[in-house]
Amino acid sequence: MLDVELATACAPPPAALGARAFAADDPAARALLRRAQGAFQKWPEGFCGFRASVHCETSRGWISGRLAFAPPDRIEIECGDPGLRAWLREMVRSIAADRTPRFFADGDGRFPVSFCSAVDDATGRGVDVHCPPVALRYWIDGRGRIARTERIADGLRAVTTFDELTRATPGRVLPARTTTSTWDLSTGVLIASETAHDSHRRFEHVWLPTSRRVSVGSGPSHTSLELTLNDHELL
């Protein structure tokens, strides 16, 4: 539904991401990444899911529906538009992956972690997770928060930038504006670009999404979609 023909653009240099075949684990880099990942608000242990009504403004007008999520991966979407239904399913799946708590040792902590050899930039300090065949790098800002991630796999380079964060519970944040761009490594062509503006609200002890505005592409090929979630119920 949100497919769009994007203008040709060159990818920024990957700064030798994933260039080293082997790297020793660096305890300082590991600790920095673990704390940075822990700064993102998660759903509480024992969270049973939620349901909500959905109202979406598209180029064809308003479309309404309902969605429900129950851990670990049960997603139910009621919507008459097949394209929107598929997009909502992917959105809920993505949110659930980001909000579901997981021990660091069960995620990136399974692999060696080290500071990258690239010079630190305005985004922060680079930390590499050595998990071949995927090349994965996090840029962590001076406040110990993840500012950007870079992932190279299957001939693609995806860069996700957390342009804006909002406070949740004390010491925790949630993304408010996130931009994800994907390049074809062989040609340097930008093949996808999407910016998501998110808002959240606390329901009892759980932070849930309440709106998302997505902008895809730029210029004449730009398109957008805006949805709101109401009538939340915890399961």
Protein backbone atom coordinates (compact mmCIF):
# COMPACT_ATOMS: atom_id res chain seq x y z
CA MET A 1 0.00 0.00 0.00
CA LEU A 2 2.88 2.31 0.75
CA ASP A 3 5.02 1.29 -2.21
CA VAL A 4 6.62 4.28 -3.87
CA GLU A 5 9.21 4.90 -6.57
CA LEU A 6 12.11 6.63 -4.91
CA ALA A 7 14.60 9.00 -6.45
CA THR A 8 18.12 7.69 -6.99
CA ALA A 9 20.50 8.58 -4.19
CA CYS A 10 23.95 7.50 -3.11
CA ALA A 11 24.47 5.69 0.15
CA PRO A 12 26.77 7.30 2.70
CA PRO A 13 29.99 5.32 3.19
CA PRO A 14 29.54 2.34 5.56
CA ALA A 15 32.78 3.20 7.42
CA ALA A 16 34.21 -0.30 6.97
CA LEU A 17 31.23 -1.80 8.75
CA GLY A 18 31.84 -5.50 9.15
CA ALA A 19 35.29 -5.30 7.60
CA ARG A 20 37.05 -7.34 10.28
CA ALA A 21 36.61 -11.10 10.10
CA PHE A 22 37.33 -11.52 13.80
CA ALA A 23 37.32 -9.23 16.81
CA ALA A 24 37.93 -9.85 20.48
CA ASP A 25 35.11 -9.02 22.83
CA ASP A 26 35.51 -5.65 24.58
CA PRO A 27 33.85 -5.59 28.03
CA ALA A 28 33.51 -1.77 27.93
CA ALA A 29 31.77 -1.83 24.55
CA ARG A 30 29.53 -4.68 25.70
CA ALA A 31 28.51 -2.79 28.86
CA LEU A 32 27.82 0.41 26.89
CA LEU A 33 25.58 -1.38 24.40
CA ARG A 34 23.74 -3.30 27.11
CA ARG A 35 22.92 -0.07 28.98
CA ALA A 36 21.90 1.72 25.76
CA GLN A 37 19.51 -1.04 24.76
CA GLY A 38 18.12 -1.07 28.29
CA ALA A 39 17.20 2.62 28.00
CA PHE A 40 14.30 1.79 25.67
CA GLN A 41 10.97 1.25 27.41
CA LYS A 42 9.79 -2.36 27.32
CA TRP A 43 6.52 -4.05 28.10
CA PRO A 44 6.45 -5.59 31.59
CA GLU A 45 7.02 -9.26 32.28
CA GLY A 46 3.72 -11.09 32.11
CA PHE A 47 2.21 -8.63 29.62
CA CYS A 48 -0.77 -10.41 28.01
CA GLY A 49 -1.36 -8.06 25.08
CA PHE A 50 -3.85 -5.40 24.08
CA ARG A 51 -6.59 -4.54 21.60
CA ALA A 52 -7.55 -1.18 20.13
CA SER A 53 -9.66 0.44 17.44
CA VAL A 54 -7.82 1.89 14.45
CA HIS A 55 -8.70 4.91 12.32
CA CYS A 56 -6.46 5.53 9.33
CA GLU A 57 -6.38 8.49 6.94
CA THR A 58 -5.25 7.49 3.46
CA SER A 59 -5.37 9.05 0.00
CA ARG A 60 -8.73 7.30 -0.44
CA GLY A 61 -10.21 8.68 2.78
CA TRP A 62 -10.67 7.30 6.28
CA ILE A 63 -10.57 3.57 6.96
CA SER A 64 -11.45 2.05 10.33
CA GLY A 65 -10.77 -1.32 11.90
CA ARG A 66 -9.55 -3.10 15.00
CA LEU A 67 -6.36 -4.84 15.98
CA ALA A 68 -5.28 -7.12 18.79
CA PHE A 69 -1.92 -8.48 19.88
CA ALA A 70 -1.12 -11.28 22.32
CA PRO A 71 2.46 -12.40 23.02
CA PRO A 72 4.49 -13.87 21.57
CA ASP A 73 3.17 -13.43 18.02
CA ARG A 74 -0.62 -13.58 17.84
CA ILE A 75 -1.86 -10.65 15.75
CA GLU A 76 -5.48 -10.16 14.70
CA ILE A 77 -6.47 -7.40 12.27
CA GLU A 78 -10.04 -6.51 11.29
CA CYS A 79 -9.96 -4.16 8.29
CA GLY A 80 -11.66 -4.17 4.90
CA ASP A 81 -8.61 -2.86 3.05
CA PRO A 82 -6.12 -5.72 2.30
CA GLY A 83 -3.15 -3.37 1.87
CA LEU A 84 -3.80 -1.55 5.13
CA ARG A 85 -4.43 -4.84 6.89
CA ALA A 86 -1.02 -6.15 5.83
CA TRP A 87 0.67 -2.88 6.82
CA LEU A 88 -0.98 -2.89 10.26
CA ARG A 89 0.13 -6.47 10.83
CA GLU A 90 3.73 -5.58 10.02
CA MET A 91 3.53 -2.47 12.24
CA VAL A 92 2.28 -4.48 15.23
CA ARG A 93 4.93 -7.14 14.62
CA SER A 94 7.66 -4.49 14.56
CA ILE A 95 6.40 -2.77 17.72
CA ALA A 96 6.14 -6.10 19.53
CA ALA A 97 9.72 -7.00 18.57
CA ASP A 98 10.97 -3.69 19.97
CA ARG A 99 8.88 -3.70 23.16
CA THR A 100 9.10 -7.34 24.24
CA PRO A 101 11.69 -7.68 27.03
CA ARG A 102 14.66 -9.92 26.37
CA PHE A 103 17.90 -10.52 28.22
CA PHE A 104 20.92 -8.97 26.51
CA ALA A 105 22.62 -12.38 26.64
CA ASP A 106 19.81 -13.80 24.49
CA GLY A 107 20.19 -11.11 21.81
CA ASP A 108 23.28 -9.19 20.70
CA GLY A 109 25.08 -10.39 23.81
CA ARG A 110 25.51 -13.81 22.18
CA PHE A 111 28.21 -12.33 19.94
CA PRO A 112 31.53 -10.51 20.42
CA VAL A 113 31.03 -6.76 20.88
CA SER A 114 33.71 -4.12 20.29
CA PHE A 115 34.14 -0.42 19.59
CA CYS A 116 34.35 0.24 15.86
CA SER A 117 37.54 1.50 14.25
CA ALA A 118 35.75 4.40 12.54
CA VAL A 119 36.19 7.88 13.95
CA ASP A 120 33.29 8.85 16.20
CA ASP A 121 30.93 11.31 14.53
CA ALA A 122 28.24 13.70 15.71
CA THR A 123 25.90 10.76 16.21
CA GLY A 124 28.04 9.25 18.93
CA ARG A 125 30.39 6.32 19.46
CA GLY A 126 30.22 3.27 17.22
CA VAL A 127 29.84 -0.22 18.66
CA ASP A 128 30.05 -3.30 16.43
CA VAL A 129 28.27 -6.59 17.06
CA HIS A 130 30.17 -9.34 15.26
CA CYS A 131 27.48 -11.71 14.04
CA PRO A 132 28.47 -12.83 10.51
CA PRO A 133 27.18 -12.97 7.86
CA VAL A 134 25.31 -9.87 9.13
CA ALA A 135 27.28 -6.68 9.86
CA LEU A 136 25.68 -4.71 12.69
CA ARG A 137 26.71 -1.39 14.19
CA TYR A 138 25.13 0.86 16.84
CA TRP A 139 25.97 4.53 17.32
CA ILE A 140 25.50 5.55 20.96
CA ASP A 141 25.24 9.21 21.93
CA GLY A 142 26.78 11.03 24.87
CA ARG A 143 23.73 10.29 27.04
CA GLY A 144 24.14 6.57 26.56
CA ARG A 145 21.20 6.21 24.16
CA ILE A 146 21.16 4.50 20.78
CA ALA A 147 21.09 7.22 18.14
CA ARG A 148 21.50 5.12 14.99
CA THR A 149 21.80 1.53 13.87
CA GLU A 150 23.41 0.24 10.67
CA ARG A 151 22.83 -3.25 9.31
CA ILE A 152 24.33 -4.88 6.24
CA ALA A 153 22.88 -8.18 5.03
CA ASP A 154 21.79 -9.80 1.76
CA GLY A 155 23.30 -7.03 -0.35
CA LEU A 156 21.40 -4.26 1.45
CA ARG A 157 22.47 -1.58 3.90
CA ALA A 158 19.75 -0.34 6.26
CA VAL A 159 20.28 2.70 8.48
CA THR A 160 17.78 3.51 11.23
CA THR A 161 18.10 6.87 12.96
CA PHE A 162 16.25 7.73 16.15
CA ASP A 163 15.72 11.39 15.34
CA GLU A 164 13.63 12.12 18.42
CA LEU A 165 13.00 10.29 21.70
CA THR A 166 10.36 10.89 24.34
CA ARG A 167 10.50 10.09 28.05
CA ALA A 168 8.50 7.17 29.39
CA THR A 169 9.05 5.77 32.89
CA PRO A 170 12.05 7.26 34.77
CA GLY A 171 15.26 6.45 32.93
CA ARG A 172 13.44 5.00 29.91
CA VAL A 173 12.59 6.44 26.50
CA LEU A 174 10.44 5.63 23.48
CA PRO A 175 11.03 6.62 19.84
CA ALA A 176 9.02 9.65 18.74
CA ARG A 177 10.52 10.08 15.25
CA THR A 178 12.45 7.36 13.46
CA THR A 179 13.88 7.35 9.93
CA THR A 180 14.88 4.15 8.14
CA SER A 181 16.68 4.20 4.79
CA THR A 182 17.83 1.22 2.73
CA TRP A 183 20.45 1.15 -0.02
CA ASP A 184 21.46 -1.45 -2.58
CA LEU A 185 25.15 -2.04 -1.84
CA SER A 186 26.06 -3.02 -5.40
CA THR A 187 24.69 0.18 -6.96
CA GLY A 188 24.58 2.65 -4.06
CA VAL A 189 20.96 3.41 -4.96
CA LEU A 190 18.49 4.36 -2.24
CA ILE A 191 15.63 1.90 -2.62
CA ALA A 192 13.48 2.76 0.40
CA SER A 193 13.11 5.61 2.87
CA GLU A 194 10.49 5.95 5.59
CA THR A 195 10.00 8.30 8.54
CA ALA A 196 7.62 7.32 11.35
CA HIS A 197 6.26 9.77 13.92
CA ASP A 198 4.93 7.88 16.96
CA SER A 199 3.08 8.81 20.12
CA HIS A 200 2.47 6.63 23.17
CA ARG A 201 0.36 6.65 26.30
CA ARG A 202 0.55 4.78 29.57
CA PHE A 203 -2.37 2.48 30.28
CA GLU A 204 -2.15 1.23 33.86
CA HIS A 205 1.45 -0.12 33.91
CA VAL A 206 1.95 -0.48 30.14
CA TRP A 207 3.04 2.03 27.48
CA LEU A 208 1.05 1.48 24.27
CA PRO A 209 1.09 3.18 20.84
CA THR A 210 -1.63 5.78 20.24
CA SER A 211 -0.71 7.15 16.80
CA ARG A 212 1.68 6.76 13.91
CA ARG A 213 2.28 9.06 10.95
CA VAL A 214 4.42 7.58 8.20
CA SER A 215 6.08 9.50 5.38
CA VAL A 216 7.59 7.53 2.52
CA GLY A 217 9.93 8.97 -0.10
CA SER A 218 10.33 12.63 -0.94
CA GLY A 219 9.40 15.19 -3.57
CA PRO A 220 6.82 14.17 -6.21
CA SER A 221 6.96 10.53 -5.09
CA HIS A 222 6.21 11.38 -1.46
CA THR A 223 3.25 9.64 0.15
CA SER A 224 2.00 9.47 3.72
CA LEU A 225 -0.37 7.60 5.98
CA GLU A 226 -1.66 8.60 9.40
CA LEU A 227 -3.44 6.42 11.93
CA THR A 228 -4.72 6.74 15.46
CA LEU A 229 -5.38 3.99 17.98
CA ASN A 230 -8.24 4.42 20.45
CA ASP A 231 -10.29 2.40 22.94
CA HIS A 232 -7.26 0.47 24.21
CA GLU A 233 -7.94 -2.59 26.34
CA LEU A 234 -5.34 -4.69 28.09
CA LEU A 235 -5.84 -8.43 27.66
